[in-house]
Amino acid sequence: MKDIRHPAHYRSRGPGRLAALLLTLVVMLGLTGGTALASPNGTREASPSAVRVPASAMDAVAAMQPSWNLGNTLDAIPDETSWGNPLTTRKLLATIRAQGFRSVRIPVTWTDHHSATAPYAIDAAYMNRVEQVVDWALAEGLYVVINIHHDSWQWISKMSTDHDEVLARFNSLWTQIAERFRDAPRALLFESVNEPVFDNATDTQKTQLLNELNTSFHKVVRSSGGGNTDRLLVLPTVGCTPSQTLMDDLSTTIGALHDSNLIATVHYYSWYPFSVNIAGGTHYDDNAQKDLDDAFARMHDTFVAKGIPVYLGEYGLLSWPDHNHPDRVERGEALKYFEHLGYKARVADVTTALWDPFAYLNRDTLQWRDPALFAWIKSSWTTRSGTTSFDKIFLPKSSPITAQSLTLNRNGTSFRGLWHGRTKLVAGRDYTVSGNRLALTAKALTRLAGDRAYGVNATLRARFSRGLPWQIDVVTHDTPVLTDATGTTSSFTIPTQYRGDVLATMHATYADGSNAGQTSWTPYQEFNKAFSPDYSGGKIILTPEFLNALRDTEPVTLTFHFYSGATVTYHVTKSGPSVTGTAS
C-alpha cells in the first residue's frame, strides 16, 4: 500500500513560539488543572490510572477499542498550537472518554524540543507538558499511547547515511522518555516510531534499519526497569504500511524478541484512488472494498492468529472530511467505508484509532463537527448498518419523472422500509423490493419532488433491522451548464450553473490522447488538487498547480463527470500566464 502521510493542508498555521512561551507559563503555574505534574527532580506525583489492564497483551489491546488520535497537537511543528488546534485540556480528554473511546494515541514530535546534538536532552518544560497530558488521559480512565512521531521524516529518515548519529539520538530520546514514565501505570503504552521512512535505502535496507530501531527501542525501554519491564510496546512496519511483505518483516522482528507484551501497528486510509478521489475513484466500489477486506485479513492472519495483537494506530480517508474545502469523497460513499471498516476490524480482532487532526472533534467547542458522521463511526464499533448503491436519486427536471431503483446492501440486516420524515412509505404503492432491488414508483417520486426546484427535494430514510437508517436524497437536476472564461494560471474559474447536480471528477487529456495535468499517470485528476467545485459561487476552480502543469499552447479537453451520470466537456488552453476556456 502507498506510504501515506498526513494531509499537508491540515497543518494549520499558528503563533508557534509565542504559544510555546505561554505553554511554559501554563505548565509552570498549573493553570490547566488536572493531575499533578512531575516535580522538578523528575519524580512522578500523578494520580494512578483508573484502568485495570489485563495481563494478556491481546486482552489489553482489545480493551483499548475504540481509540482516538490527539492529532496535529503535540506532534505539530514546532509547537502544540502551530497547526491550528488549541492547547489540550483535561476536559477534552474527559469528552473523548464520555463519547465512548477507551484509549487515546498522543502523537509527539520531539525535534524542536530537544538538543540536536549529544546528549540530545529533552526540554524540561516540554517533557512536563507531555506528561501532564498523559496523566490527564490516564486519570480519565483512558489507555494512552505515546510515540516519536514526525521525527520519523525530520531526522530518523537519514539513518541510512547517518546511521550512528540517528541511532544515538533515537536511543537517547527513548532513554529519557522511559525514565520519565518508568513508574507510570501499565495503561500507558510506548510506540517506537510513527510511519518510519528511510531515505536513499533499498527495501531490504529499510527493513533492516527499522528492525534495528525497533530492537534498540525494546532494549532501552526494558532495561530502564520499573513499570517498563512489562509495559506494552507498539512496533510498526515500514511506513506503517499493511502490506504482506512488511508485516511479515515485523512479525519476524517480534518473534525474535521473545516478548509477550509486544503489539504490531499499521495504518489504513483506504484504497488510494478512493481515499483522495483520483483515477476515477468516485465510489466505494469493489476495488476499494476488496482493498479493505484484504488488508484486515492480512492483519489478522499475520499477527492476531499468531497471538500478536494489532493496534491500527490511524485510520480514515486522506483529506476527508475537510471543512475548509468541498468534500472530495461523496458523503454516502464515505459512510460506507467507515461502516465496512468497523465491521472488518471487529471480525479481525483489530483495535482501531481514528486519526483526527481537527476534522471530527472541534477542540474549541468540544462538539463533533458532523454529529451524523460520528454516529456512523460509533455505530460501526458494535453493529452493522444497511446502505444502498447510492445515497441520491436524481430526477431530470427536463423530462417526466419515471420509476427509479437502487441496490440494497443489507450487510447482514433485514430491510424494514422507507420513511419520509415520520411518514412510512407504503410497500407495493410507493416502492417495491425484489431481491436486492429497491424501486420507487414514479407516483411516489412525483409527490416527493414537489415543485421540482433544483437540488434536494426530499430526504428518505431506509431502515434496517439494526444499525442506523440510511439517508436517500431525492434530487431534481438538469445537466450543468459551463460557459467561456479567461484568466491566468494563478486565478482561473469556469462559470458553472450546477442545476442541482454534484461534481464527481474531472478527466483531462491533450489532443493526442495523453494525460494532462500534474497527475500524469491518470487522466482523472485529483479532487481539490487539480479542480474544485464552488457551488455557492457558481463556478469550478482550476488550481494553479493543475494549470501550471499544462503544456503551453496545447488545447486540453476537460470532461467533468457528475454524480447524476451527466458529463460536460470543456476546453482550456494555457499560453504563458494566460488561460482561456471555451464550452463545447
Protein backbone atom coordinates (compact mmCIF):
# COMPACT_ATOMS: atom_id res chain seq x y z
CA MET A 1 0.00 0.00 0.00
CA LYS A 2 1.09 3.57 -0.66
CA ASP A 3 3.16 5.18 2.08
CA ILE A 4 0.59 7.63 3.41
CA ARG A 5 1.42 10.90 5.15
CA HIS A 6 -0.92 13.24 6.97
CA PRO A 7 -2.56 15.74 4.61
CA ALA A 8 -0.39 18.84 4.36
CA HIS A 9 -3.33 21.23 4.47
CA TYR A 10 -4.23 20.01 7.95
CA ARG A 11 -1.00 21.56 9.18
CA SER A 12 -2.65 24.83 10.05
CA ARG A 13 -0.53 27.83 10.85
CA GLY A 14 -0.44 29.28 14.34
CA PRO A 15 1.51 31.56 16.67
CA GLY A 16 4.27 28.98 17.16
CA ARG A 17 6.95 30.28 19.53
CA LEU A 18 4.61 32.64 21.36
CA ALA A 19 2.36 29.68 22.07
CA ALA A 20 5.37 27.80 23.41
CA LEU A 21 6.13 30.59 25.88
CA LEU A 22 2.52 30.72 27.01
CA LEU A 23 2.50 26.95 27.31
CA THR A 24 5.55 27.03 29.55
CA LEU A 25 3.81 29.55 31.81
CA VAL A 26 0.65 27.47 31.87
CA VAL A 27 2.58 24.35 32.79
CA MET A 28 4.62 26.11 35.48
CA LEU A 29 1.57 27.63 37.12
CA GLY A 30 -0.64 24.58 36.68
CA LEU A 31 -3.37 26.73 35.12
CA THR A 32 -4.84 23.90 33.08
CA GLY A 33 -5.79 21.87 36.12
CA GLY A 34 -5.97 18.11 36.43
CA THR A 35 -3.44 15.74 37.90
CA ALA A 36 -0.14 16.99 39.16
CA LEU A 37 2.97 17.33 37.04
CA ALA A 38 6.25 15.68 37.78
CA SER A 39 8.25 17.54 40.40
CA PRO A 40 11.44 19.35 39.33
CA ASN A 41 13.56 16.33 40.23
CA GLY A 42 11.60 14.20 37.76
CA THR A 43 9.70 12.02 40.25
CA ARG A 44 6.08 11.34 39.40
CA GLU A 45 3.27 12.69 41.54
CA ALA A 46 0.37 11.95 39.20
CA SER A 47 -2.76 10.08 40.15
CA PRO A 48 -2.82 6.41 39.14
CA SER A 49 -4.74 5.29 36.10
CA ALA A 50 -8.39 4.38 36.52
CA VAL A 51 -7.83 1.48 34.09
CA ARG A 52 -7.34 -2.13 35.15
CA VAL A 53 -5.08 -3.58 32.49
CA PRO A 54 -5.44 -7.30 31.71
CA ALA A 55 -2.25 -9.33 31.99
CA SER A 56 -2.59 -10.60 28.42
CA ALA A 57 -1.46 -8.18 25.71
CA MET A 58 -4.22 -9.47 23.45
CA ASP A 59 -6.87 -8.77 26.09
CA ALA A 60 -5.37 -5.38 26.89
CA VAL A 61 -5.42 -4.24 23.26
CA ALA A 62 -8.98 -5.50 22.91
CA ALA A 63 -9.90 -3.36 25.93
CA MET A 64 -8.44 -0.32 24.13
CA GLN A 65 -11.12 -0.45 21.43
CA PRO A 66 -12.11 2.10 20.21
CA SER A 67 -9.24 4.58 20.14
CA TRP A 68 -8.80 8.21 19.08
CA ASN A 69 -5.80 10.28 17.98
CA LEU A 70 -4.99 13.65 19.52
CA GLY A 71 -3.64 14.60 16.10
CA ASN A 72 -1.88 17.79 15.00
CA THR A 73 -1.29 18.79 18.60
CA LEU A 74 1.80 17.58 20.46
CA ASP A 75 3.00 16.33 17.09
CA ALA A 76 2.58 19.77 15.49
CA ILE A 77 5.70 21.57 14.32
CA PRO A 78 7.16 23.42 16.08
CA ASP A 79 4.67 23.75 18.93
CA GLU A 80 1.37 22.43 20.25
CA THR A 81 -0.83 25.14 18.69
CA SER A 82 1.17 25.67 15.49
CA TRP A 83 -1.24 23.68 13.30
CA GLY A 84 -4.42 25.38 14.46
CA ASN A 85 -5.55 23.38 17.48
CA PRO A 86 -5.87 24.96 20.94
CA LEU A 87 -3.92 23.80 23.97
CA THR A 88 -5.15 20.42 25.12
CA THR A 89 -7.23 20.39 28.31
CA ARG A 90 -8.31 17.64 30.63
CA LYS A 91 -11.89 18.45 29.67
CA LEU A 92 -11.09 17.41 26.08
CA LEU A 93 -9.89 14.02 27.28
CA ALA A 94 -12.92 13.64 29.54
CA THR A 95 -15.08 14.36 26.47
CA ILE A 96 -13.32 11.66 24.47
CA ARG A 97 -13.91 9.13 27.26
CA ALA A 98 -17.56 10.16 27.57
CA GLN A 99 -18.04 9.67 23.83
CA GLY A 100 -17.16 6.01 24.13
CA PHE A 101 -13.44 5.92 23.39
CA ARG A 102 -11.36 3.66 25.60
CA SER A 103 -7.89 4.79 24.56
CA VAL A 104 -6.12 7.77 23.10
CA ARG A 105 -3.00 7.92 20.97
CA ILE A 106 -0.98 11.04 21.69
CA PRO A 107 1.50 11.59 18.83
CA VAL A 108 4.54 13.56 19.99
CA THR A 109 7.13 15.28 17.80
CA TRP A 110 10.31 15.91 19.78
CA THR A 111 12.53 17.56 17.14
CA ASP A 112 12.09 21.16 18.26
CA HIS A 113 12.13 20.23 21.93
CA HIS A 114 15.47 18.53 22.40
CA SER A 115 19.07 19.19 21.50
CA ALA A 116 20.06 18.00 18.03
CA THR A 117 23.50 17.09 19.37
CA ALA A 118 24.63 14.82 22.16
CA PRO A 119 23.36 14.26 24.78
CA TYR A 120 20.08 15.17 22.98
CA ALA A 121 18.46 16.44 26.18
CA ILE A 122 14.70 16.98 26.05
CA ASP A 123 13.44 20.39 27.18
CA ALA A 124 12.12 20.03 30.73
CA ALA A 125 9.03 22.16 30.10
CA TYR A 126 8.06 20.11 27.07
CA MET A 127 8.57 16.79 28.83
CA ASN A 128 6.43 18.10 31.67
CA ARG A 129 3.72 19.12 29.23
CA VAL A 130 3.69 15.71 27.58
CA GLU A 131 3.45 14.09 30.99
CA GLN A 132 0.64 16.41 32.03
CA VAL A 133 -1.49 15.45 29.04
CA VAL A 134 -0.69 11.76 29.54
CA ASP A 135 -1.65 11.96 33.22
CA TRP A 136 -4.94 13.65 32.43
CA ALA A 137 -5.82 10.90 29.97
CA LEU A 138 -4.88 8.16 32.43
CA ALA A 139 -6.89 9.80 35.18
CA GLU A 140 -9.91 9.90 32.86
CA GLY A 141 -9.76 6.13 32.52
CA LEU A 142 -8.14 6.00 29.10
CA TYR A 143 -5.34 3.80 27.86
CA VAL A 144 -2.66 6.05 26.37
CA VAL A 145 -0.14 5.55 23.55
CA ILE A 146 2.78 7.97 23.13
CA ASN A 147 5.44 7.83 20.46
CA ILE A 148 8.14 9.54 18.44
CA HIS A 149 6.10 10.99 15.60
CA HIS A 150 7.18 13.39 12.82
CA ASP A 151 10.79 12.95 13.85
CA SER A 152 10.48 9.93 11.55
CA TRP A 153 10.82 12.10 8.44
CA GLN A 154 12.65 15.03 10.02
CA TRP A 155 15.83 13.20 11.01
CA ILE A 156 15.28 9.47 11.53
CA SER A 157 14.84 9.13 7.76
CA LYS A 158 18.56 9.96 7.35
CA MET A 159 19.61 6.79 9.16
CA SER A 160 20.92 5.11 6.02
CA THR A 161 23.55 7.84 5.57
CA ASP A 162 23.98 8.99 9.18
CA HIS A 163 23.46 5.71 10.99
CA ASP A 164 25.34 6.19 14.24
CA GLU A 165 24.11 9.72 14.87
CA VAL A 166 20.46 8.83 14.25
CA LEU A 167 20.60 5.70 16.38
CA ALA A 168 22.28 7.54 19.26
CA ARG A 169 19.69 10.31 19.12
CA PHE A 170 16.80 7.83 18.93
CA ASN A 171 18.15 5.82 21.87
CA SER A 172 18.70 8.97 23.92
CA LEU A 173 15.13 10.13 23.42
CA TRP A 174 13.69 6.78 24.44
CA THR A 175 16.07 6.57 27.40
CA GLN A 176 14.73 9.90 28.67
CA ILE A 177 11.08 9.09 27.91
CA ALA A 178 11.38 5.66 29.52
CA GLU A 179 12.97 7.16 32.63
CA ARG A 180 10.29 9.83 32.99
CA PHE A 181 7.46 7.32 32.66
CA ARG A 182 9.24 4.44 34.39
CA ASP A 183 6.62 4.20 37.12
CA ALA A 184 3.59 5.15 35.06
CA PRO A 185 0.66 2.71 35.08
CA ARG A 186 0.70 -0.11 32.56
CA ALA A 187 -2.20 1.62 30.80
CA LEU A 188 0.47 3.80 29.20
CA LEU A 189 1.94 2.25 26.04
CA PHE A 190 5.05 3.26 24.10
CA GLU A 191 5.14 3.21 20.27
CA SER A 192 8.68 3.20 18.90
CA VAL A 193 8.24 5.47 15.87
CA ASN A 194 5.43 6.68 13.64
CA GLU A 195 5.41 5.79 9.92
CA PRO A 196 9.17 5.20 9.70
CA VAL A 197 10.78 6.11 6.38
CA PHE A 198 14.38 5.87 5.27
CA ASP A 199 15.87 8.00 2.51
CA ASN A 200 18.26 6.57 -0.09
CA ALA A 201 17.68 2.99 1.01
CA THR A 202 16.53 -0.17 -0.75
CA ASP A 203 13.53 -2.08 0.54
CA THR A 204 15.83 -4.61 2.17
CA GLN A 205 17.82 -1.85 3.86
CA LYS A 206 14.64 -0.18 5.11
CA THR A 207 13.58 -3.42 6.75
CA GLN A 208 17.00 -3.83 8.36
CA LEU A 209 17.08 -0.26 9.65
CA LEU A 210 13.60 -0.48 11.15
CA ASN A 211 14.42 -3.81 12.74
CA GLU A 212 17.43 -2.15 14.34
CA LEU A 213 15.32 0.75 15.65
CA ASN A 214 12.56 -1.49 16.98
CA THR A 215 15.05 -3.83 18.63
CA SER A 216 17.01 -0.97 20.16
CA PHE A 217 13.79 0.66 21.41
CA HIS A 218 12.80 -2.61 23.05
CA LYS A 219 16.17 -2.96 24.76
CA VAL A 220 16.24 0.65 26.01
CA VAL A 221 12.74 0.51 27.48
CA ARG A 222 13.04 -2.92 29.09
CA SER A 223 16.42 -2.14 30.64
CA SER A 224 15.03 1.01 32.30
CA GLY A 225 13.23 -1.17 34.85
CA GLY A 226 10.21 -0.31 36.98
CA GLY A 227 6.92 -0.46 35.14
CA ASN A 228 8.80 -0.62 31.86
CA THR A 229 9.79 -4.24 32.40
CA ASP A 230 6.36 -5.41 31.22
CA ARG A 231 4.94 -2.28 29.63
CA LEU A 232 3.08 -2.89 26.38
CA LEU A 233 5.26 -1.80 23.47
CA VAL A 234 3.97 -0.99 19.98
CA LEU A 235 6.13 -1.74 16.92
CA PRO A 236 5.37 -0.51 13.36
CA THR A 237 6.03 -1.74 9.87
CA VAL A 238 7.97 0.45 7.45
CA GLY A 239 5.69 3.42 6.79
CA CYS A 240 3.06 1.70 8.98
CA THR A 241 2.01 0.13 5.68
CA PRO A 242 -0.10 -3.06 5.95
CA SER A 243 1.45 -4.90 3.00
CA GLN A 244 2.12 -8.60 3.42
CA THR A 245 5.88 -8.31 2.95
CA LEU A 246 6.28 -5.53 5.51
CA MET A 247 4.03 -7.23 8.05
CA ASP A 248 6.00 -10.44 7.60
CA ASP A 249 9.17 -8.46 8.33
CA LEU A 250 7.66 -7.05 11.51
CA SER A 251 6.41 -10.48 12.55
CA THR A 252 9.98 -11.76 12.26
CA THR A 253 11.23 -8.90 14.47
CA ILE A 254 8.58 -9.53 17.10
CA GLY A 255 9.26 -13.27 17.08
CA ALA A 256 12.97 -12.71 17.62
CA LEU A 257 12.36 -10.53 20.68
CA HIS A 258 10.54 -13.32 22.58
CA ASP A 259 8.35 -10.84 24.47
CA SER A 260 4.65 -11.45 25.06
CA ASN A 261 3.97 -7.75 25.65
CA LEU A 262 4.55 -6.58 22.09
CA ILE A 263 1.91 -5.13 19.74
CA ALA A 264 2.02 -4.68 15.97
CA THR A 265 0.80 -1.43 14.45
CA VAL A 266 -0.11 -0.36 10.93
CA HIS A 267 -2.27 2.42 9.45
CA TYR A 268 -5.12 2.25 6.95
CA TYR A 269 -6.51 5.08 4.81
CA SER A 270 -8.42 3.03 2.23
CA TRP A 271 -7.67 2.29 -1.41
CA TYR A 272 -5.74 5.34 -2.53
CA PRO A 273 -7.85 6.35 -5.59
CA PHE A 274 -10.97 6.36 -3.42
CA SER A 275 -9.32 7.95 -0.40
CA VAL A 276 -8.38 11.13 -2.29
CA ASN A 277 -10.76 10.81 -5.30
CA ILE A 278 -8.26 10.35 -8.10
CA ALA A 279 -8.06 7.99 -11.11
CA GLY A 280 -11.84 7.68 -11.15
CA GLY A 281 -12.17 6.58 -7.53
CA THR A 282 -15.51 8.30 -7.04
CA HIS A 283 -17.36 5.40 -5.38
CA TYR A 284 -16.68 2.91 -2.62
CA ASP A 285 -16.65 0.21 -5.25
CA ASP A 286 -15.47 -3.40 -5.42
CA ASN A 287 -11.83 -2.31 -5.70
CA ALA A 288 -12.00 -0.19 -2.56
CA GLN A 289 -13.92 -2.85 -0.63
CA LYS A 290 -11.50 -5.59 -1.64
CA ASP A 291 -8.53 -3.45 -0.61
CA LEU A 292 -10.02 -3.12 2.87
CA ASP A 293 -11.05 -6.78 3.10
CA ASP A 294 -7.57 -7.91 2.11
CA ALA A 295 -5.79 -5.50 4.47
CA PHE A 296 -7.70 -6.65 7.55
CA ALA A 297 -7.38 -10.30 6.55
CA ARG A 298 -3.60 -9.80 6.36
CA MET A 299 -3.52 -8.11 9.77
CA HIS A 300 -5.43 -10.99 11.32
CA ASP A 301 -3.59 -13.83 9.64
CA THR A 302 -0.10 -12.36 10.06
CA PHE A 303 -0.44 -11.25 13.67
CA VAL A 304 -3.69 -11.88 15.53
CA ALA A 305 -3.96 -15.54 14.55
CA LYS A 306 -0.43 -16.00 15.95
CA GLY A 307 -1.21 -14.31 19.26
CA ILE A 308 0.20 -10.87 18.39
CA PRO A 309 -2.35 -8.07 18.94
CA VAL A 310 -2.80 -5.36 16.32
CA TYR A 311 -3.38 -1.69 17.06
CA LEU A 312 -4.49 0.17 13.93
CA GLY A 313 -2.83 3.40 15.01
CA GLU A 314 -4.52 5.56 12.36
CA TYR A 315 -7.45 5.17 10.01
CA GLY A 316 -9.68 7.47 8.00
CA LEU A 317 -9.73 8.93 4.50
CA LEU A 318 -6.91 11.18 3.36
CA SER A 319 -8.00 14.83 3.40
CA TRP A 320 -11.59 13.92 4.33
CA PRO A 321 -13.53 15.42 5.91
CA ASP A 322 -12.00 18.84 5.30
CA HIS A 323 -14.26 21.61 6.49
CA ASN A 324 -12.19 24.20 4.63
CA HIS A 325 -12.84 22.69 1.18
CA PRO A 326 -15.63 20.82 -0.65
CA ASP A 327 -15.85 17.13 0.18
CA ARG A 328 -13.63 15.23 -2.22
CA VAL A 329 -15.28 11.93 -1.25
CA GLU A 330 -19.05 11.77 -1.68
CA ARG A 331 -20.60 11.60 1.77
CA GLY A 332 -22.64 8.42 1.42
CA GLU A 333 -19.68 6.61 -0.13
CA ALA A 334 -17.51 7.69 2.81
CA LEU A 335 -20.11 6.40 5.28
CA LYS A 336 -19.99 3.01 3.56
CA TYR A 337 -16.23 2.94 4.08
CA PHE A 338 -16.46 3.69 7.81
CA GLU A 339 -19.28 1.17 8.26
CA HIS A 340 -17.28 -1.51 6.45
CA LEU A 341 -14.06 -0.75 8.32
CA GLY A 342 -15.69 -1.00 11.73
CA TYR A 343 -17.15 -4.38 10.83
CA LYS A 344 -13.96 -5.83 9.38
CA ALA A 345 -11.92 -4.63 12.35
CA ARG A 346 -14.27 -6.45 14.71
CA VAL A 347 -14.07 -9.63 12.64
CA ALA A 348 -10.28 -9.41 12.56
CA ASP A 349 -9.98 -8.52 16.29
CA VAL A 350 -8.10 -5.33 15.44
CA THR A 351 -8.30 -2.26 17.67
CA THR A 352 -8.81 0.94 15.66
CA ALA A 353 -7.66 4.52 16.33
CA LEU A 354 -9.42 7.26 14.36
CA TRP A 355 -6.97 9.84 13.03
CA ASP A 356 -8.37 13.24 14.00
CA PRO A 357 -6.20 16.24 13.11
CA PHE A 358 -9.12 18.62 13.79
CA ALA A 359 -11.68 17.34 11.30
CA TYR A 360 -14.03 15.37 13.55
CA LEU A 361 -13.99 16.92 17.02
CA ASN A 362 -13.97 20.70 17.32
CA ARG A 363 -11.37 21.21 20.05
CA ASP A 364 -12.72 24.68 20.89
CA THR A 365 -16.35 23.70 21.43
CA LEU A 366 -15.78 20.01 22.25
CA GLN A 367 -18.61 19.20 19.85
CA TRP A 368 -18.49 16.91 16.82
CA ARG A 369 -18.33 18.98 13.66
CA ASP A 370 -20.63 16.47 11.96
CA PRO A 371 -22.62 14.51 14.58
CA ALA A 372 -24.29 12.32 11.97
CA LEU A 373 -20.92 11.25 10.58
CA PHE A 374 -19.62 10.43 14.04
CA ALA A 375 -22.81 8.46 14.71
CA TRP A 376 -21.93 6.20 11.77
CA ILE A 377 -18.39 5.74 13.00
CA LYS A 378 -19.60 4.97 16.52
CA SER A 379 -22.27 2.56 15.33
CA SER A 380 -19.66 0.60 13.36
CA TRP A 381 -17.90 -0.29 16.62
CA THR A 382 -20.71 -2.63 17.64
CA THR A 383 -23.05 -3.42 14.75
CA ARG A 384 -23.66 -3.31 11.02
CA SER A 385 -25.89 -0.88 9.14
CA GLY A 386 -27.56 -1.31 5.78
CA THR A 387 -26.96 1.01 2.83
CA THR A 388 -27.93 1.36 -0.82
CA SER A 389 -25.92 1.63 -4.02
CA PHE A 390 -26.01 5.42 -3.77
CA ASP A 391 -27.48 7.97 -1.37
CA LYS A 392 -29.19 10.08 -4.05
CA ILE A 393 -31.88 9.58 -6.64
CA PHE A 394 -31.54 12.09 -9.48
CA LEU A 395 -34.68 13.23 -11.32
CA PRO A 396 -34.08 15.23 -14.53
CA LYS A 397 -36.25 18.34 -14.48
CA SER A 398 -36.27 18.45 -18.26
CA SER A 399 -38.14 15.15 -18.57
CA PRO A 400 -41.09 13.37 -16.94
CA ILE A 401 -40.45 11.55 -13.68
CA THR A 402 -40.08 7.79 -14.03
CA ALA A 403 -39.56 4.97 -11.54
CA GLN A 404 -36.03 4.76 -10.13
CA SER A 405 -34.22 1.90 -8.45
CA LEU A 406 -31.31 1.37 -6.07
CA THR A 407 -29.49 -1.74 -4.93
CA LEU A 408 -29.91 -2.69 -1.28
CA ASN A 409 -26.72 -3.51 0.61
CA ARG A 410 -28.25 -5.27 3.61
CA ASN A 411 -24.92 -6.12 5.27
CA GLY A 412 -26.49 -8.95 7.21
CA THR A 413 -29.56 -6.94 8.22
CA SER A 414 -33.17 -7.09 7.08
CA PHE A 415 -34.81 -4.21 5.21
CA ARG A 416 -37.67 -2.68 7.21
CA GLY A 417 -38.97 0.01 4.90
CA LEU A 418 -38.73 3.65 3.81
CA TRP A 419 -39.72 6.75 5.76
CA HIS A 420 -40.18 10.36 4.72
CA GLY A 421 -39.99 12.23 7.97
CA ARG A 422 -42.44 10.43 10.27
CA THR A 423 -44.43 9.03 7.38
CA LYS A 424 -43.77 5.44 6.36
CA LEU A 425 -43.98 4.86 2.65
CA VAL A 426 -46.31 2.09 1.56
CA ALA A 427 -44.74 -1.04 0.12
CA GLY A 428 -46.33 -2.01 -3.19
CA ARG A 429 -47.67 1.51 -3.77
CA ASP A 430 -44.69 3.78 -3.17
CA TYR A 431 -41.92 1.25 -3.65
CA THR A 432 -41.23 -2.42 -4.31
CA VAL A 433 -38.44 -4.74 -3.26
CA SER A 434 -37.35 -7.61 -5.45
CA GLY A 435 -34.25 -9.39 -4.21
CA ASN A 436 -31.74 -6.61 -3.66
CA ARG A 437 -33.54 -4.17 -5.95
CA LEU A 438 -35.40 -1.30 -4.28
CA ALA A 439 -37.61 0.53 -6.80
CA LEU A 440 -39.50 3.75 -6.09
CA THR A 441 -42.58 4.37 -8.19
CA ALA A 442 -42.98 7.38 -10.46
CA LYS A 443 -46.05 8.43 -8.48
CA ALA A 444 -44.18 8.42 -5.16
CA LEU A 445 -41.22 10.30 -6.62
CA THR A 446 -43.53 12.89 -8.18
CA ARG A 447 -45.06 13.53 -4.78
CA LEU A 448 -41.65 13.73 -3.10
CA ALA A 449 -40.20 16.05 -5.76
CA GLY A 450 -42.89 18.66 -5.09
CA ASP A 451 -42.32 21.80 -7.14
CA ARG A 452 -39.16 20.25 -8.60
CA ALA A 453 -36.79 23.02 -7.62
CA TYR A 454 -33.16 22.22 -8.39
CA GLY A 455 -31.43 20.42 -5.54
CA VAL A 456 -32.68 18.16 -2.75
CA ASN A 457 -36.48 18.00 -2.75
CA ALA A 458 -36.93 15.33 -0.09
CA THR A 459 -34.90 13.04 2.12
CA LEU A 460 -35.90 9.43 2.71
CA ARG A 461 -34.59 7.09 5.36
CA ALA A 462 -34.20 3.40 4.67
CA ARG A 463 -34.45 1.47 7.92
CA PHE A 464 -32.98 -1.93 8.58
CA SER A 465 -33.34 -4.46 11.40
CA ARG A 466 -30.31 -2.99 13.17
CA GLY A 467 -27.83 -0.18 12.82
CA LEU A 468 -28.53 3.34 11.61
CA PRO A 469 -31.07 4.41 8.99
CA TRP A 470 -29.62 5.17 5.57
CA GLN A 471 -30.40 8.58 4.10
CA ILE A 472 -31.50 8.87 0.45
CA ASP A 473 -31.93 12.32 -1.10
CA VAL A 474 -34.41 12.87 -3.92
CA VAL A 475 -32.71 15.44 -6.16
CA THR A 476 -34.04 17.42 -9.09
CA HIS A 477 -31.34 18.28 -11.61
CA ASP A 478 -30.50 19.06 -15.19
CA THR A 479 -27.17 18.80 -16.97
CA PRO A 480 -24.88 21.57 -15.66
CA VAL A 481 -24.03 24.47 -17.98
CA LEU A 482 -20.44 25.77 -18.28
CA THR A 483 -19.56 29.00 -20.09
CA ASP A 484 -16.49 30.61 -21.64
CA ALA A 485 -13.90 32.26 -19.40
CA THR A 486 -10.48 33.91 -19.36
CA GLY A 487 -7.97 34.16 -16.58
CA THR A 488 -4.43 33.37 -15.55
CA THR A 489 -2.57 30.35 -14.25
CA SER A 490 -2.83 31.84 -10.77
CA SER A 491 -6.58 32.51 -10.97
CA PHE A 492 -8.95 30.75 -13.34
CA THR A 493 -12.54 29.71 -12.76
CA ILE A 494 -15.23 28.27 -15.02
CA PRO A 495 -18.69 29.86 -14.62
CA THR A 496 -20.97 26.94 -13.82
CA GLN A 497 -24.71 26.51 -13.42
CA TYR A 498 -24.84 23.29 -11.39
CA ARG A 499 -28.64 22.97 -11.66
CA GLY A 500 -28.85 20.60 -8.73
CA ASP A 501 -26.01 18.29 -9.75
CA VAL A 502 -22.86 17.37 -7.82
CA LEU A 503 -19.36 17.23 -9.30
CA ALA A 504 -17.64 13.84 -9.09
CA THR A 505 -14.38 14.09 -11.05
CA MET A 506 -12.52 15.70 -13.97
CA HIS A 507 -10.92 13.90 -16.93
CA ALA A 508 -8.15 15.85 -18.70
CA THR A 509 -6.36 14.97 -21.97
CA TYR A 510 -4.45 16.57 -24.82
CA ALA A 511 -5.46 16.19 -28.46
CA ASP A 512 -3.06 13.24 -28.84
CA GLY A 513 -4.86 11.39 -26.04
CA SER A 514 -2.11 11.77 -23.45
CA ASN A 515 -2.97 12.77 -19.89
CA ALA A 516 -2.96 16.46 -18.99
CA GLY A 517 -2.26 17.85 -15.54
CA GLN A 518 0.05 17.36 -12.63
CA THR A 519 -1.01 13.73 -12.16
CA SER A 520 0.40 12.24 -15.35
CA TRP A 521 -0.38 8.58 -14.62
CA THR A 522 -4.15 9.02 -14.92
CA PRO A 523 -6.45 11.33 -16.91
CA TYR A 524 -8.77 11.60 -13.88
CA GLN A 525 -7.20 14.35 -11.81
CA GLU A 526 -7.28 14.64 -8.02
CA PHE A 527 -10.27 16.38 -6.47
CA ASN A 528 -9.36 19.68 -4.73
CA LYS A 529 -5.77 19.37 -6.02
CA ALA A 530 -6.46 19.96 -9.71
CA PHE A 531 -10.04 21.20 -9.60
CA SER A 532 -12.63 22.11 -7.01
CA PRO A 533 -16.34 22.98 -7.16
CA ASP A 534 -17.71 26.18 -5.69
CA TYR A 535 -21.43 25.53 -5.57
CA SER A 536 -22.49 28.75 -3.86
CA GLY A 537 -20.24 30.82 -6.11
CA GLY A 538 -21.42 29.09 -9.29
CA LYS A 539 -18.01 28.06 -10.59
CA ILE A 540 -15.42 25.33 -10.95
CA ILE A 541 -11.92 26.29 -9.85
CA LEU A 542 -8.92 25.02 -11.78
CA THR A 543 -5.94 25.19 -9.45
CA PRO A 544 -2.63 26.88 -10.26
CA GLU A 545 -0.94 23.53 -9.69
CA PHE A 546 -3.02 21.97 -12.46
CA LEU A 547 -2.76 24.89 -14.87
CA ASN A 548 1.00 25.31 -14.48
CA ALA A 549 1.45 21.62 -15.29
CA LEU A 550 -0.18 22.03 -18.73
CA ARG A 551 1.87 22.20 -21.89
CA ASP A 552 1.96 25.66 -23.40
CA THR A 553 -0.45 26.47 -26.28
CA GLU A 554 -1.76 22.89 -26.48
CA PRO A 555 -5.56 22.69 -26.08
CA VAL A 556 -6.75 20.45 -23.26
CA THR A 557 -10.11 18.72 -23.25
CA LEU A 558 -11.73 18.55 -19.84
CA THR A 559 -14.65 16.22 -19.20
CA PHE A 560 -16.48 16.91 -15.98
CA HIS A 561 -18.34 13.93 -14.55
CA PHE A 562 -21.29 14.50 -12.23
CA TYR A 563 -22.90 12.06 -9.83
CA SER A 564 -26.17 12.10 -11.78
CA GLY A 565 -24.26 10.48 -14.63
CA ALA A 566 -24.13 13.69 -16.68
CA THR A 567 -20.86 14.69 -18.39
CA VAL A 568 -19.90 18.11 -19.71
CA THR A 569 -16.93 18.82 -22.00
CA TYR A 570 -14.85 21.99 -21.74
CA HIS A 571 -11.62 23.19 -23.38
CA VAL A 572 -8.75 25.16 -21.86
CA THR A 573 -5.54 26.47 -23.37
CA LYS A 574 -2.61 27.92 -21.48
CA SER A 575 -0.40 30.48 -23.22
CA GLY A 576 2.28 31.69 -20.86
CA PRO A 577 0.46 33.03 -17.78
CA SER A 578 -2.84 33.45 -19.71
CA VAL A 579 -5.62 30.84 -19.77
CA THR A 580 -8.70 30.73 -21.97
CA GLY A 581 -11.63 28.40 -21.58
CA THR A 582 -14.43 27.55 -24.00
CA ALA A 583 -17.54 25.44 -23.62
CA SER A 584 -18.27 22.76 -26.20
